[in-house]
Each structure stands twice: as C-alpha cells, then as structure tokens.
PDB file of N, CA and C in Angstrom:
ATOM      1  N   UNK A   1     -36.690  -4.248  -8.560  1.00  0.00           N
ATOM      2  CA  UNK A   1     -35.777  -4.336  -9.389  1.00  0.00           C
ATOM      3  C   UNK A   1     -34.742  -5.121  -8.455  1.00  0.00           C
ATOM      4  N   UNK A   2     -33.691  -5.796  -9.144  1.00  0.00           N
ATOM      5  CA  UNK A   2     -32.644  -6.692  -8.653  1.00  0.00           C
ATOM      6  C   UNK A   2     -31.469  -5.496  -8.689  1.00  0.00           C
ATOM      7  N   UNK A   3     -30.920  -5.429  -7.592  1.00  0.00           N
ATOM      8  CA  UNK A   3     -29.624  -4.405  -7.064  1.00  0.00           C
ATOM      9  C   UNK A   3     -28.594  -5.170  -7.960  1.00  0.00           C
ATOM     10  N   UNK A   4     -27.810  -4.491  -8.585  1.00  0.00           N
ATOM     11  CA  UNK A   4     -26.694  -4.998  -9.413  1.00  0.00           C
ATOM     12  C   UNK A   4     -25.288  -4.641  -8.692  1.00  0.00           C
ATOM     13  N   UNK A   5     -24.275  -5.409  -8.693  1.00  0.00           N
ATOM     14  CA  UNK A   5     -23.225  -4.956  -7.988  1.00  0.00           C
ATOM     15  C   UNK A   5     -22.357  -3.791  -8.750  1.00  0.00           C
ATOM     16  N   UNK A   6     -21.428  -3.220  -7.718  1.00  0.00           N
ATOM     17  CA  UNK A   6     -21.186  -1.934  -8.207  1.00  0.00           C
ATOM     18  C   UNK A   6     -19.571  -2.320  -7.803  1.00  0.00           C
ATOM     19  N   UNK A   7     -18.541  -1.864  -8.590  1.00  0.00           N
ATOM     20  CA  UNK A   7     -17.404  -2.175  -8.534  1.00  0.00           C
ATOM     21  C   UNK A   7     -16.781  -0.907  -7.462  1.00  0.00           C
ATOM     22  N   UNK A   8     -16.031  -1.259  -6.202  1.00  0.00           N
ATOM     23  CA  UNK A   8     -15.613  -0.516  -5.475  1.00  0.00           C
ATOM     24  C   UNK A   8     -13.814  -0.485  -5.732  1.00  0.00           C
ATOM     25  N   UNK A   9     -13.863   1.034  -6.490  1.00  0.00           N
ATOM     26  CA  UNK A   9     -12.748   1.122  -6.957  1.00  0.00           C
ATOM     27  C   UNK A   9     -11.446   1.305  -5.754  1.00  0.00           C
ATOM     28  N   UNK A  10     -11.954   1.661  -4.620  1.00  0.00           N
ATOM     29  CA  UNK A  10     -10.788   1.904  -3.454  1.00  0.00           C
ATOM     30  C   UNK A  10     -10.630   0.281  -2.957  1.00  0.00           C
ATOM     31  N   UNK A  11     -11.053  -0.423  -2.843  1.00  0.00           N
ATOM     32  CA  UNK A  11     -11.043  -1.807  -2.545  1.00  0.00           C
ATOM     33  C   UNK A  11     -10.216  -2.519  -3.631  1.00  0.00           C
ATOM     34  N   UNK A  12     -10.746  -2.279  -4.914  1.00  0.00           N
ATOM     35  CA  UNK A  12      -9.939  -3.068  -6.105  1.00  0.00           C
ATOM     36  C   UNK A  12      -8.596  -2.438  -6.032  1.00  0.00           C
ATOM     37  N   UNK A  13      -8.218  -1.434  -5.615  1.00  0.00           N
ATOM     38  CA  UNK A  13      -7.071  -1.003  -5.898  1.00  0.00           C
ATOM     39  C   UNK A  13      -6.080  -1.281  -4.664  1.00  0.00           C
ATOM     40  N   UNK A  14      -6.514  -1.573  -3.472  1.00  0.00           N
ATOM     41  CA  UNK A  14      -5.956  -2.066  -2.238  1.00  0.00           C
ATOM     42  C   UNK A  14      -5.819  -3.605  -2.702  1.00  0.00           C
ATOM     43  N   UNK A  15      -6.651  -4.315  -3.159  1.00  0.00           N
ATOM     44  CA  UNK A  15      -6.571  -5.574  -3.719  1.00  0.00           C
ATOM     45  C   UNK A  15      -5.183  -5.730  -4.644  1.00  0.00           C
ATOM     46  N   UNK A  16      -5.116  -4.904  -5.884  1.00  0.00           N
ATOM     47  CA  UNK A  16      -3.825  -4.685  -6.709  1.00  0.00           C
ATOM     48  C   UNK A  16      -2.471  -4.702  -5.704  1.00  0.00           C
ATOM     49  N   UNK A  17      -2.760  -3.629  -4.859  1.00  0.00           N
ATOM     50  CA  UNK A  17      -1.487  -3.509  -4.205  1.00  0.00           C
ATOM     51  C   UNK A  17      -1.063  -4.625  -3.459  1.00  0.00           C
ATOM     52  N   UNK A  18      -2.004  -5.208  -2.198  1.00  0.00           N
ATOM     53  CA  UNK A  18      -1.619  -6.136  -1.845  1.00  0.00           C
ATOM     54  C   UNK A  18      -1.266  -7.768  -2.595  1.00  0.00           C
ATOM     55  N   UNK A  19      -1.927  -7.747  -3.559  1.00  0.00           N
ATOM     56  CA  UNK A  19      -1.243  -8.814  -4.504  1.00  0.00           C
ATOM     57  C   UNK A  19      -0.116  -8.752  -5.125  1.00  0.00           C
ATOM     58  N   UNK A  20       0.170  -7.574  -5.427  1.00  0.00           N
ATOM     59  CA  UNK A  20       1.648  -7.182  -5.921  1.00  0.00           C
ATOM     60  C   UNK A  20       2.638  -7.589  -5.135  1.00  0.00           C
ATOM     61  N   UNK A  21       2.714  -6.872  -3.909  1.00  0.00           N
ATOM     62  CA  UNK A  21       3.034  -7.268  -2.769  1.00  0.00           C
ATOM     63  C   UNK A  21       3.333  -8.668  -2.516  1.00  0.00           C
ATOM     64  N   UNK A  22       2.345  -9.484  -2.397  1.00  0.00           N
ATOM     65  CA  UNK A  22       2.340 -10.882  -2.067  1.00  0.00           C
ATOM     66  C   UNK A  22       3.122 -11.678  -3.267  1.00  0.00           C
ATOM     67  N   UNK A  23       3.313 -11.047  -4.288  1.00  0.00           N
ATOM     68  CA  UNK A  23       4.271 -11.423  -5.610  1.00  0.00           C
ATOM     69  C   UNK A  23       5.446 -10.960  -5.178  1.00  0.00           C
ATOM     70  N   UNK A  24       5.924 -10.128  -4.471  1.00  0.00           N
ATOM     71  CA  UNK A  24       7.183  -9.432  -4.223  1.00  0.00           C
ATOM     72  C   UNK A  24       7.822  -8.552  -5.084  1.00  0.00           C
ATOM     73  N   UNK A  25       6.434  -8.095  -6.004  1.00  0.00           N
ATOM     74  CA  UNK A  25       6.780  -7.196  -7.185  1.00  0.00           C
ATOM     75  C   UNK A  25       6.898  -5.499  -6.700  1.00  0.00           C
ATOM     76  N   UNK A  26       7.559  -5.086  -7.274  1.00  0.00           N
ATOM     77  CA  UNK A  26       7.618  -3.333  -7.212  1.00  0.00           C
ATOM     78  C   UNK A  26       6.844  -2.900  -8.207  1.00  0.00           C
ATOM     79  N   UNK A  27       6.538  -1.578  -8.121  1.00  0.00           N
ATOM     80  CA  UNK A  27       5.509  -0.963  -9.188  1.00  0.00           C
ATOM     81  C   UNK A  27       5.925  -0.762 -10.484  1.00  0.00           C
ATOM     82  N   UNK A  28       7.580  -0.835 -10.490  1.00  0.00           N
ATOM     83  CA  UNK A  28       8.200  -0.677 -11.577  1.00  0.00           C
ATOM     84  C   UNK A  28       8.641  -2.226 -12.309  1.00  0.00           C
ATOM     85  N   UNK A  29       8.450  -2.959 -11.770  1.00  0.00           N
ATOM     86  CA  UNK A  29       8.356  -4.461 -12.305  1.00  0.00           C
ATOM     87  C   UNK A  29       7.120  -4.537 -12.947  1.00  0.00           C
ATOM     88  N   UNK A  30       6.113  -4.416 -12.174  1.00  0.00           N
ATOM     89  CA  UNK A  30       4.777  -4.361 -12.717  1.00  0.00           C
ATOM     90  C   UNK A  30       4.542  -3.554 -14.131  1.00  0.00           C
ATOM     91  N   UNK A  31       5.168  -2.426 -13.864  1.00  0.00           N
ATOM     92  CA  UNK A  31       4.893  -1.327 -15.021  1.00  0.00           C
ATOM     93  C   UNK A  31       5.805  -2.015 -16.040  1.00  0.00           C
ATOM     94  N   UNK A  32       6.875  -2.850 -16.130  1.00  0.00           N
ATOM     95  CA  UNK A  32       7.824  -3.308 -17.190  1.00  0.00           C
ATOM     96  C   UNK A  32       6.815  -4.649 -17.734  1.00  0.00           C
ATOM     97  N   UNK A  33       5.868  -5.258 -16.831  1.00  0.00           N
ATOM     98  CA  UNK A  33       5.265  -6.524 -17.206  1.00  0.00           C
ATOM     99  C   UNK A  33       4.198  -5.956 -18.652  1.00  0.00           C
ATOM    100  N   UNK A  34       3.775  -4.484 -18.348  1.00  0.00           N
ATOM    101  CA  UNK A  34       2.508  -4.044 -19.015  1.00  0.00           C
ATOM    102  C   UNK A  34       3.169  -3.211 -20.280  1.00  0.00           C
ATOM    103  N   UNK A  35       4.663  -2.805 -19.976  1.00  0.00           N
ATOM    104  CA  UNK A  35       5.312  -2.359 -21.017  1.00  0.00           C
ATOM    105  C   UNK A  35       4.886  -0.761 -21.105  1.00  0.00           C
ATOM    106  N   UNK A  36       4.549  -0.227 -20.180  1.00  0.00           N
ATOM    107  CA  UNK A  36       4.085   1.220 -19.645  1.00  0.00           C
ATOM    108  C   UNK A  36       5.303   2.006 -19.804  1.00  0.00           C
ATOM    109  N   UNK A  37       5.231   3.216 -20.171  1.00  0.00           N
ATOM    110  CA  UNK A  37       6.471   4.169 -20.173  1.00  0.00           C
ATOM    111  C   UNK A  37       6.549   4.777 -18.912  1.00  0.00           C
ATOM    112  N   UNK A  38       5.541   4.907 -17.884  1.00  0.00           N
ATOM    113  CA  UNK A  38       5.761   5.449 -16.724  1.00  0.00           C
ATOM    114  C   UNK A  38       4.802   4.202 -15.628  1.00  0.00           C
ATOM    115  N   UNK A  39       4.774   4.794 -14.656  1.00  0.00           N
ATOM    116  CA  UNK A  39       4.028   3.667 -13.331  1.00  0.00           C
ATOM    117  C   UNK A  39       2.843   4.353 -13.337  1.00  0.00           C
ATOM    118  N   UNK A  40       2.207   5.517 -13.780  1.00  0.00           N
ATOM    119  CA  UNK A  40       1.379   6.411 -13.414  1.00  0.00           C
ATOM    120  C   UNK A  40       0.146   5.425 -13.240  1.00  0.00           C
ATOM    121  N   UNK A  41      -0.349   4.840 -14.449  1.00  0.00           N
ATOM    122  CA  UNK A  41      -1.650   3.697 -14.546  1.00  0.00           C
ATOM    123  C   UNK A  41      -1.477   2.877 -13.327  1.00  0.00           C
ATOM    124  N   UNK A  42      -0.361   2.196 -12.858  1.00  0.00           N
ATOM    125  CA  UNK A  42      -0.471   1.482 -11.879  1.00  0.00           C
ATOM    126  C   UNK A  42      -0.534   2.000 -10.462  1.00  0.00           C
ATOM    127  N   UNK A  43      -0.038   3.223 -10.443  1.00  0.00           N
ATOM    128  CA  UNK A  43      -0.598   3.959  -9.111  1.00  0.00           C
ATOM    129  C   UNK A  43      -2.004   4.292  -8.769  1.00  0.00           C
ATOM    130  N   UNK A  44      -2.567   4.692 -10.230  1.00  0.00           N
ATOM    131  CA  UNK A  44      -3.843   5.384  -9.996  1.00  0.00           C
ATOM    132  C   UNK A  44      -4.856   3.781  -9.828  1.00  0.00           C
ATOM    133  N   UNK A  45      -4.494   2.847 -10.388  1.00  0.00           N
ATOM    134  CA  UNK A  45      -5.452   1.642 -10.048  1.00  0.00           C
ATOM    135  C   UNK A  45      -5.056   1.571  -8.570  1.00  0.00           C
ATOM    136  N   UNK A  46      -3.836   1.479  -7.998  1.00  0.00           N
ATOM    137  CA  UNK A  46      -3.844   1.239  -6.523  1.00  0.00           C
ATOM    138  C   UNK A  46      -4.620   2.248  -5.625  1.00  0.00           C
ATOM    139  N   UNK A  47      -4.678   3.441  -6.114  1.00  0.00           N
ATOM    140  CA  UNK A  47      -5.128   4.303  -5.446  1.00  0.00           C
ATOM    141  C   UNK A  47      -6.414   4.734  -5.382  1.00  0.00           C
ATOM    142  N   UNK A  48      -7.414   3.869  -6.579  1.00  0.00           N
ATOM    143  CA  UNK A  48      -8.869   3.981  -6.655  1.00  0.00           C
ATOM    144  C   UNK A  48      -9.200   4.815  -7.507  1.00  0.00           C
ATOM    145  N   UNK A  49      -8.377   5.468  -7.995  1.00  0.00           N
ATOM    146  CA  UNK A  49      -8.298   6.600  -9.178  1.00  0.00           C
ATOM    147  C   UNK A  49      -9.125   6.108 -10.481  1.00  0.00           C
ATOM    148  N   UNK A  50      -8.578   4.831 -10.839  1.00  0.00           N
ATOM    149  CA  UNK A  50      -8.880   4.230 -12.369  1.00  0.00           C
ATOM    150  C   UNK A  50      -8.999   2.887 -12.074  1.00  0.00           C
ATOM    151  N   UNK A  51      -9.455   2.157 -13.107  1.00  0.00           N
ATOM    152  CA  UNK A  51      -9.633   0.949 -13.076  1.00  0.00           C
ATOM    153  C   UNK A  51      -8.958   0.304 -14.054  1.00  0.00           C
ATOM    154  N   UNK A  52      -8.213  -0.806 -13.946  1.00  0.00           N
ATOM    155  CA  UNK A  52      -7.579  -1.684 -15.108  1.00  0.00           C
ATOM    156  C   UNK A  52      -8.583  -1.912 -16.387  1.00  0.00           C
ATOM    157  N   UNK A  53      -8.244  -1.583 -17.506  1.00  0.00           N
ATOM    158  CA  UNK A  53      -8.850  -2.309 -18.539  1.00  0.00           C
ATOM    159  C   UNK A  53      -9.272  -3.743 -18.358  1.00  0.00           C
ATOM    160  N   UNK A  54      -9.863  -4.123 -19.229  1.00  0.00           N
ATOM    161  CA  UNK A  54     -10.606  -5.735 -19.011  1.00  0.00           C
ATOM    162  C   UNK A  54      -9.067  -6.691 -19.587  1.00  0.00           C
ATOM    163  N   UNK A  55      -8.690  -6.175 -20.712  1.00  0.00           N
ATOM    164  CA  UNK A  55      -7.352  -6.771 -21.221  1.00  0.00           C
ATOM    165  C   UNK A  55      -6.357  -6.701 -19.972  1.00  0.00           C
ATOM    166  N   UNK A  56      -5.736  -5.745 -19.487  1.00  0.00           N
ATOM    167  CA  UNK A  56      -5.023  -5.882 -18.247  1.00  0.00           C
ATOM    168  C   UNK A  56      -5.337  -6.290 -17.050  1.00  0.00           C
ATOM    169  N   UNK A  57      -6.871  -6.685 -16.531  1.00  0.00           N
ATOM    170  CA  UNK A  57      -7.129  -7.387 -15.572  1.00  0.00           C
ATOM    171  C   UNK A  57      -7.141  -8.912 -15.771  1.00  0.00           C
ATOM    172  N   UNK A  58      -7.192  -9.099 -17.335  1.00  0.00           N
ATOM    173  CA  UNK A  58      -6.637 -10.345 -17.372  1.00  0.00           C
ATOM    174  C   UNK A  58      -5.037 -10.637 -17.305  1.00  0.00           C
ATOM    175  N   UNK A  59      -4.338  -9.874 -17.640  1.00  0.00           N
ATOM    176  CA  UNK A  59      -2.795  -9.957 -17.438  1.00  0.00           C
ATOM    177  C   UNK A  59      -2.734  -9.774 -16.093  1.00  0.00           C
ATOM    178  N   UNK A  60      -3.311  -8.980 -15.038  1.00  0.00           N
ATOM    179  CA  UNK A  60      -2.924  -9.025 -13.660  1.00  0.00           C
ATOM    180  C   UNK A  60      -3.184 -10.403 -13.177  1.00  0.00           C
ATOM    181  N   UNK A  61      -4.574 -11.008 -13.656  1.00  0.00           N
ATOM    182  CA  UNK A  61      -4.898 -12.326 -12.921  1.00  0.00           C
ATOM    183  C   UNK A  61      -3.917 -13.282 -13.510  1.00  0.00           C
ATOM    184  N   UNK A  62      -3.122 -13.267 -14.463  1.00  0.00           N
ATOM    185  CA  UNK A  62      -2.185 -14.311 -14.761  1.00  0.00           C
ATOM    186  C   UNK A  62      -1.039 -13.975 -14.105  1.00  0.00           C
ATOM    187  N   UNK A  63      -0.675 -12.601 -13.736  1.00  0.00           N
ATOM    188  CA  UNK A  63       0.604 -12.413 -13.136  1.00  0.00           C
ATOM    189  C   UNK A  63       0.587 -12.671 -11.832  1.00  0.00           C
ATOM    190  N   UNK A  64      -0.630 -12.550 -11.057  1.00  0.00           N
ATOM    191  CA  UNK A  64      -0.760 -12.582  -9.512  1.00  0.00           C
ATOM    192  C   UNK A  64      -1.552 -14.122  -9.401  1.00  0.00           C
ATOM    193  N   UNK A  65      -1.696 -14.869 -10.348  1.00  0.00           N
ATOM    194  CA  UNK A  65      -2.256 -16.344 -10.535  1.00  0.00           C
ATOM    195  C   UNK A  65      -3.250 -16.448  -9.618  1.00  0.00           C
ATOM    196  N   UNK A  66      -4.351 -15.551  -9.613  1.00  0.00           N
ATOM    197  CA  UNK A  66      -5.407 -15.573  -9.264  1.00  0.00           C
ATOM    198  C   UNK A  66      -6.542 -15.088 -10.275  1.00  0.00           C
ATOM    199  N   UNK A  67      -7.905 -15.483  -9.768  1.00  0.00           N
ATOM    200  CA  UNK A  67      -9.091 -15.111 -10.974  1.00  0.00           C
ATOM    201  C   UNK A  67      -9.504 -13.841 -10.780  1.00  0.00           C
ATOM    202  N   UNK A  68      -9.717 -13.005 -11.672  1.00  0.00           N
ATOM    203  CA  UNK A  68     -10.221 -11.649 -12.001  1.00  0.00           C
ATOM    204  C   UNK A  68     -10.871 -11.223 -10.727  1.00  0.00           C
ATOM    205  N   UNK A  69     -11.982 -12.378 -10.087  1.00  0.00           N
ATOM    206  CA  UNK A  69     -12.610 -11.643  -9.042  1.00  0.00           C
ATOM    207  C   UNK A  69     -11.884 -11.722  -7.803  1.00  0.00           C
ATOM    208  N   UNK A  70     -10.928 -12.052  -7.445  1.00  0.00           N
ATOM    209  CA  UNK A  70     -10.031 -11.962  -6.555  1.00  0.00           C
ATOM    210  C   UNK A  70      -9.359 -10.313  -6.623  1.00  0.00           C
ATOM    211  N   UNK A  71      -9.649  -9.810  -7.711  1.00  0.00           N
ATOM    212  CA  UNK A  71      -8.789  -8.523  -7.910  1.00  0.00           C
ATOM    213  C   UNK A  71      -9.886  -7.414  -7.777  1.00  0.00           C
ATOM    214  N   UNK A  72     -11.012  -7.728  -8.568  1.00  0.00           N
ATOM    215  CA  UNK A  72     -12.213  -6.874  -8.341  1.00  0.00           C
ATOM    216  C   UNK A  72     -13.051  -6.843  -7.152  1.00  0.00           C
ATOM    217  N   UNK A  73     -13.058  -5.500  -6.560  1.00  0.00           N
ATOM    218  CA  UNK A  73     -13.775  -5.656  -5.385  1.00  0.00           C
ATOM    219  C   UNK A  73     -15.259  -5.175  -5.512  1.00  0.00           C
ATOM    220  N   UNK A  74     -16.660  -5.488  -5.028  1.00  0.00           N
ATOM    221  CA  UNK A  74     -17.720  -5.135  -5.427  1.00  0.00           C
ATOM    222  C   UNK A  74     -18.361  -4.739  -4.131  1.00  0.00           C
ATOM    223  N   UNK A  75     -19.543  -3.698  -4.345  1.00  0.00           N
ATOM    224  CA  UNK A  75     -20.519  -3.452  -3.400  1.00  0.00           C
ATOM    225  C   UNK A  75     -21.740  -4.075  -3.780  1.00  0.00           C
ATOM    226  N   UNK A  76     -22.527  -4.825  -3.094  1.00  0.00           N
ATOM    227  CA  UNK A  76     -23.450  -5.459  -3.640  1.00  0.00           C
ATOM    228  C   UNK A  76     -25.144  -4.760  -2.573  1.00  0.00           C
TER     229      UNK A  76
END
C-alpha cells in the first residue's frame, strides 16, 4: 500500500511563524486579519498544537502571498 503524507504540525507552525515574520506582521496584526477576539488560535498554530482550518489556510495563503503547500509541512 502506498504511504500517504502526514501533516507535521510542529513544522507547519514554524512555517506560519516564519512567514508572519517575513511579512513584518505581529501576532496581534494577524489576529485582526481573522477578526479573532484573542490571539490564542494563532499561538496554537505556531506552536504546533492545532492546525488552521481550510478556510483559514486560504486566508493565510493570501496574506503571506504563498501557496498553501508553502504553509503546510508534511512527512512522507
């Protein structure tokens, strides 16, 4: 059976943090883009505790000007 890729949450989180910094954005600024009441979701993404939903990945992709596969890191 073919081995399927698995999302690496820790590496994905590091990608989100690095892309945010490359854009010169603070966590608070990114929080405002999403309209979140608190920054907790963004910290969870960056720490590899949780992943953004598909619709939030699309927004991250647009904000960071990269394709989604530059955000998600997979182990194959």
